[in-house]
Each structure stands twice: as structure tokens, then as C-alpha cells.
Amino acid sequence: MTGKQRAYLRGLANGIDAKFQIGKGGIDTPTVRMIDLALEARELIKIKVLENSMMDVREACGEICARTGAEPVQCIGSKFVIYRESRNNKTIVIPKR
């Protein structure tokens, strides 16, 4: 993904709220499954890492991206944004370059 494409997705992510929270329980299989379903439905989601979590934001983002096949878009503060193109419900059209 190019920098221009990431910038476009960051712009889209400004208007959305965090759909999931990662807390002291960390990232378990049911959480990954729910995030996977949300990515299929929305393509772009924002996730918040709570202060009581044992993981930092970049670590949580990396693990979720690895387990769901998503692309990291942005990590800022306690939140991060990830993107994965939907197989059946494609709504976001990313500029080519």
C-alpha cells in the first residue's frame, strides 16, 4: 500500500468511532473472529487499546493484522486503524497511485 493510499484511508477513518477495545485480557480468538467479521462488513475499522492492556498500540496492531490479514493504516495515541478489502461487500475504492 502506498503512502497516498494510506493517507486516503486515514481521511476516511477520521469520521469513524472505535468499534473494539483491547483490554487486560489481550487479544484472544473470539476477539480476532469479531474483528475479522467487522473487516468483512466494513473494510476499515478503528480499535482502541485501553490503558490496562499489557500490550502497546503498535504491538496490538501488528498482532491483529497478522491474524486477520489486514493492513495497518495508522497508529496514533491509544487507537489504531486497519484495512482489509472485503471479498463480498466491497465499498471503499482506493485510488490506484
N, C-alpha and C. Protein backbone atom coordinates (compact mmCIF):
# COMPACT_ATOMS: atom_id res chain seq x y z
N MET A 1 0.85 -1.17 0.00
CA MET A 1 0.00 0.00 0.00
C MET A 1 0.90 1.24 0.00
N THR A 2 0.57 2.17 -0.85
CA THR A 2 1.38 3.39 -0.97
C THR A 2 1.00 4.40 0.10
N GLY A 3 1.85 5.40 0.27
CA GLY A 3 1.58 6.45 1.23
C GLY A 3 0.33 7.24 0.91
N LYS A 4 0.09 7.44 -0.39
CA LYS A 4 -1.11 8.17 -0.83
C LYS A 4 -2.37 7.37 -0.49
N GLN A 5 -2.31 6.07 -0.67
CA GLN A 5 -3.46 5.22 -0.34
C GLN A 5 -3.73 5.22 1.16
N ARG A 6 -2.66 5.16 1.96
CA ARG A 6 -2.81 5.23 3.41
C ARG A 6 -3.41 6.56 3.84
N ALA A 7 -2.96 7.64 3.22
CA ALA A 7 -3.49 8.97 3.54
C ALA A 7 -4.98 9.04 3.24
N TYR A 8 -5.40 8.45 2.13
CA TYR A 8 -6.81 8.42 1.77
C TYR A 8 -7.61 7.67 2.84
N LEU A 9 -7.11 6.50 3.26
CA LEU A 9 -7.79 5.70 4.27
C LEU A 9 -7.80 6.41 5.63
N ARG A 10 -6.73 7.12 5.97
CA ARG A 10 -6.69 7.89 7.22
C ARG A 10 -7.79 8.95 7.21
N GLY A 11 -7.97 9.58 6.07
CA GLY A 11 -9.03 10.57 5.94
C GLY A 11 -10.41 9.97 6.16
N LEU A 12 -10.64 8.78 5.62
CA LEU A 12 -11.92 8.10 5.83
C LEU A 12 -12.11 7.71 7.29
N ALA A 13 -11.00 7.34 7.95
CA ALA A 13 -11.07 6.85 9.33
C ALA A 13 -11.34 7.97 10.33
N ASN A 14 -11.11 9.23 9.94
CA ASN A 14 -11.35 10.34 10.86
C ASN A 14 -12.79 10.37 11.36
N GLY A 15 -13.71 10.00 10.52
CA GLY A 15 -15.11 10.10 10.88
C GLY A 15 -15.70 8.89 11.57
N ILE A 16 -14.91 7.85 11.82
CA ILE A 16 -15.48 6.65 12.45
C ILE A 16 -15.02 6.54 13.91
N ASP A 17 -15.83 5.88 14.70
CA ASP A 17 -15.51 5.64 16.11
C ASP A 17 -14.85 4.27 16.25
N ALA A 18 -14.14 4.09 17.37
CA ALA A 18 -13.51 2.79 17.65
C ALA A 18 -14.61 1.75 17.88
N LYS A 19 -14.53 0.64 17.17
CA LYS A 19 -15.53 -0.41 17.27
C LYS A 19 -15.15 -1.48 18.31
N PHE A 20 -13.87 -1.59 18.60
CA PHE A 20 -13.39 -2.62 19.52
C PHE A 20 -12.41 -2.01 20.51
N GLN A 21 -12.27 -2.68 21.66
CA GLN A 21 -11.30 -2.27 22.67
C GLN A 21 -10.47 -3.47 23.07
N ILE A 22 -9.17 -3.25 23.21
CA ILE A 22 -8.27 -4.29 23.69
C ILE A 22 -7.92 -3.92 25.12
N GLY A 23 -8.26 -4.78 26.07
CA GLY A 23 -8.03 -4.51 27.48
C GLY A 23 -7.01 -5.45 28.08
N LYS A 24 -7.14 -5.68 29.39
CA LYS A 24 -6.16 -6.51 30.09
C LYS A 24 -6.22 -7.97 29.66
N GLY A 25 -7.33 -8.38 29.07
CA GLY A 25 -7.45 -9.76 28.57
C GLY A 25 -6.64 -10.00 27.31
N GLY A 26 -6.18 -8.95 26.67
CA GLY A 26 -5.37 -9.08 25.46
C GLY A 26 -6.20 -9.44 24.25
N ILE A 27 -5.55 -10.08 23.29
CA ILE A 27 -6.20 -10.43 22.03
C ILE A 27 -6.42 -11.94 22.02
N ASP A 28 -7.68 -12.33 22.19
CA ASP A 28 -8.00 -13.76 22.19
C ASP A 28 -8.72 -14.13 20.89
N THR A 29 -8.96 -15.41 20.70
CA THR A 29 -9.55 -15.91 19.46
C THR A 29 -10.93 -15.32 19.18
N PRO A 30 -11.84 -15.23 20.17
CA PRO A 30 -13.15 -14.62 19.86
C PRO A 30 -13.03 -13.16 19.42
N THR A 31 -12.11 -12.42 20.00
CA THR A 31 -11.91 -11.02 19.60
C THR A 31 -11.43 -10.95 18.15
N VAL A 32 -10.48 -11.80 17.79
CA VAL A 32 -9.97 -11.83 16.42
C VAL A 32 -11.10 -12.20 15.45
N ARG A 33 -11.94 -13.14 15.84
CA ARG A 33 -13.05 -13.56 14.98
C ARG A 33 -14.02 -12.39 14.76
N MET A 34 -14.33 -11.63 15.83
CA MET A 34 -15.24 -10.49 15.69
C MET A 34 -14.61 -9.39 14.82
N ILE A 35 -13.32 -9.15 15.00
CA ILE A 35 -12.64 -8.15 14.18
C ILE A 35 -12.63 -8.59 12.72
N ASP A 36 -12.42 -9.88 12.48
CA ASP A 36 -12.43 -10.42 11.13
C ASP A 36 -13.80 -10.20 10.46
N LEU A 37 -14.87 -10.45 11.20
CA LEU A 37 -16.21 -10.23 10.66
C LEU A 37 -16.47 -8.74 10.40
N ALA A 38 -15.99 -7.89 11.30
CA ALA A 38 -16.17 -6.45 11.11
C ALA A 38 -15.40 -5.96 9.89
N LEU A 39 -14.21 -6.49 9.66
CA LEU A 39 -13.43 -6.11 8.48
C LEU A 39 -14.16 -6.53 7.20
N GLU A 40 -14.77 -7.70 7.22
CA GLU A 40 -15.51 -8.16 6.05
C GLU A 40 -16.71 -7.25 5.78
N ALA A 41 -17.35 -6.77 6.84
CA ALA A 41 -18.54 -5.94 6.69
C ALA A 41 -18.20 -4.48 6.36
N ARG A 42 -17.12 -3.94 6.99
CA ARG A 42 -16.84 -2.50 6.87
C ARG A 42 -15.55 -2.16 6.14
N GLU A 43 -14.61 -3.07 6.07
CA GLU A 43 -13.30 -2.91 5.43
C GLU A 43 -12.33 -2.04 6.23
N LEU A 44 -12.79 -1.00 6.88
CA LEU A 44 -11.93 -0.07 7.62
C LEU A 44 -12.47 0.05 9.03
N ILE A 45 -11.67 -0.32 10.04
CA ILE A 45 -12.13 -0.21 11.42
C ILE A 45 -11.06 0.42 12.30
N LYS A 46 -11.54 1.02 13.37
CA LYS A 46 -10.67 1.66 14.36
C LYS A 46 -10.78 0.87 15.66
N ILE A 47 -9.65 0.64 16.31
CA ILE A 47 -9.60 -0.14 17.55
C ILE A 47 -8.84 0.66 18.60
N LYS A 48 -9.34 0.62 19.83
CA LYS A 48 -8.70 1.33 20.94
C LYS A 48 -8.02 0.33 21.87
N VAL A 49 -6.81 0.66 22.30
CA VAL A 49 -6.09 -0.14 23.28
C VAL A 49 -6.20 0.59 24.62
N LEU A 50 -6.82 -0.07 25.59
CA LEU A 50 -7.03 0.55 26.89
C LEU A 50 -5.74 0.62 27.70
N GLU A 51 -5.71 1.51 28.68
CA GLU A 51 -4.50 1.69 29.50
C GLU A 51 -4.14 0.45 30.30
N ASN A 52 -5.13 -0.37 30.67
CA ASN A 52 -4.84 -1.55 31.48
C ASN A 52 -4.38 -2.75 30.64
N SER A 53 -4.24 -2.56 29.34
CA SER A 53 -3.78 -3.63 28.47
C SER A 53 -2.29 -3.88 28.67
N MET A 54 -1.89 -5.12 28.53
CA MET A 54 -0.47 -5.48 28.65
C MET A 54 0.30 -5.20 27.35
N MET A 55 -0.41 -4.80 26.31
CA MET A 55 0.21 -4.55 25.01
C MET A 55 0.21 -3.06 24.71
N ASP A 56 1.19 -2.61 23.92
CA ASP A 56 1.13 -1.24 23.45
C ASP A 56 0.38 -1.22 22.11
N VAL A 57 0.13 -0.04 21.60
CA VAL A 57 -0.72 0.12 20.42
C VAL A 57 -0.11 -0.57 19.19
N ARG A 58 1.17 -0.35 18.95
CA ARG A 58 1.81 -0.93 17.76
C ARG A 58 1.87 -2.46 17.85
N GLU A 59 2.11 -2.97 19.02
CA GLU A 59 2.16 -4.41 19.22
C GLU A 59 0.79 -5.03 18.95
N ALA A 60 -0.27 -4.43 19.49
CA ALA A 60 -1.62 -4.93 19.27
C ALA A 60 -2.00 -4.86 17.80
N CYS A 61 -1.65 -3.74 17.15
CA CYS A 61 -1.95 -3.58 15.73
C CYS A 61 -1.26 -4.65 14.90
N GLY A 62 0.01 -4.89 15.19
CA GLY A 62 0.77 -5.90 14.46
C GLY A 62 0.19 -7.29 14.61
N GLU A 63 -0.20 -7.64 15.83
CA GLU A 63 -0.75 -8.98 16.06
C GLU A 63 -2.10 -9.15 15.37
N ILE A 64 -2.96 -8.15 15.47
CA ILE A 64 -4.28 -8.25 14.82
C ILE A 64 -4.13 -8.31 13.31
N CYS A 65 -3.24 -7.50 12.76
CA CYS A 65 -3.03 -7.52 11.30
C CYS A 65 -2.51 -8.89 10.85
N ALA A 66 -1.60 -9.46 11.61
CA ALA A 66 -1.05 -10.77 11.27
C ALA A 66 -2.13 -11.85 11.33
N ARG A 67 -3.01 -11.77 12.30
CA ARG A 67 -4.02 -12.81 12.49
C ARG A 67 -5.24 -12.65 11.58
N THR A 68 -5.46 -11.45 11.03
CA THR A 68 -6.63 -11.23 10.18
C THR A 68 -6.28 -10.98 8.71
N GLY A 69 -5.01 -10.77 8.42
CA GLY A 69 -4.60 -10.47 7.05
C GLY A 69 -4.90 -9.03 6.66
N ALA A 70 -5.04 -8.15 7.64
CA ALA A 70 -5.35 -6.74 7.38
C ALA A 70 -4.07 -5.93 7.21
N GLU A 71 -4.24 -4.73 6.70
CA GLU A 71 -3.13 -3.78 6.53
C GLU A 71 -3.22 -2.71 7.60
N PRO A 72 -2.12 -2.39 8.28
CA PRO A 72 -2.17 -1.27 9.21
C PRO A 72 -2.24 0.04 8.44
N VAL A 73 -3.09 0.95 8.90
CA VAL A 73 -3.24 2.24 8.24
C VAL A 73 -2.61 3.33 9.10
N GLN A 74 -2.91 3.31 10.41
CA GLN A 74 -2.45 4.38 11.29
C GLN A 74 -2.45 3.90 12.74
N CYS A 75 -1.41 4.25 13.48
CA CYS A 75 -1.36 4.07 14.93
C CYS A 75 -1.12 5.45 15.53
N ILE A 76 -2.06 5.91 16.31
CA ILE A 76 -1.90 7.24 16.91
C ILE A 76 -2.54 7.23 18.30
N GLY A 77 -1.80 7.67 19.29
CA GLY A 77 -2.29 7.67 20.66
C GLY A 77 -2.60 6.27 21.13
N SER A 78 -3.81 6.05 21.58
CA SER A 78 -4.21 4.72 22.06
C SER A 78 -5.08 3.99 21.03
N LYS A 79 -5.16 4.52 19.82
CA LYS A 79 -6.01 3.91 18.79
C LYS A 79 -5.20 3.56 17.55
N PHE A 80 -5.72 2.59 16.81
CA PHE A 80 -5.13 2.27 15.51
C PHE A 80 -6.23 1.91 14.54
N VAL A 81 -5.90 2.07 13.25
CA VAL A 81 -6.85 1.83 12.16
C VAL A 81 -6.27 0.75 11.27
N ILE A 82 -7.12 -0.21 10.88
CA ILE A 82 -6.68 -1.26 9.97
C ILE A 82 -7.68 -1.37 8.81
N TYR A 83 -7.18 -1.92 7.69
CA TYR A 83 -7.99 -2.05 6.48
C TYR A 83 -7.77 -3.42 5.86
N ARG A 84 -8.83 -4.01 5.39
CA ARG A 84 -8.75 -5.21 4.57
C ARG A 84 -9.90 -5.18 3.58
N GLU A 85 -9.58 -5.37 2.32
CA GLU A 85 -10.60 -5.37 1.28
C GLU A 85 -11.57 -6.52 1.51
N SER A 86 -12.85 -6.22 1.43
CA SER A 86 -13.89 -7.22 1.62
C SER A 86 -14.01 -8.10 0.38
N ARG A 87 -14.28 -9.36 0.60
CA ARG A 87 -14.45 -10.28 -0.52
C ARG A 87 -15.84 -10.12 -1.15
N ASN A 88 -16.86 -9.93 -0.31
CA ASN A 88 -18.25 -9.92 -0.78
C ASN A 88 -18.95 -8.58 -0.64
N ASN A 89 -18.35 -7.63 0.09
CA ASN A 89 -19.06 -6.40 0.43
C ASN A 89 -18.16 -5.19 0.20
N LYS A 90 -17.51 -5.11 -0.96
CA LYS A 90 -16.54 -4.05 -1.24
C LYS A 90 -17.24 -2.71 -1.39
N THR A 91 -16.89 -1.75 -0.52
CA THR A 91 -17.49 -0.42 -0.59
C THR A 91 -16.46 0.69 -0.75
N ILE A 92 -15.23 0.47 -0.31
CA ILE A 92 -14.20 1.50 -0.38
C ILE A 92 -13.39 1.32 -1.65
N VAL A 93 -13.29 2.38 -2.43
CA VAL A 93 -12.48 2.37 -3.64
C VAL A 93 -11.22 3.20 -3.36
N ILE A 94 -10.08 2.52 -3.33
CA ILE A 94 -8.81 3.18 -3.03
C ILE A 94 -8.20 3.69 -4.33
N PRO A 95 -7.69 4.93 -4.33
CA PRO A 95 -7.02 5.42 -5.54
C PRO A 95 -5.83 4.53 -5.91
N LYS A 96 -5.60 4.36 -7.18
CA LYS A 96 -4.54 3.45 -7.64
C LYS A 96 -3.15 3.92 -7.23
N ARG A 97 -2.81 5.17 -7.45
CA ARG A 97 -1.48 5.67 -7.08
C ARG A 97 -1.49 7.13 -6.86
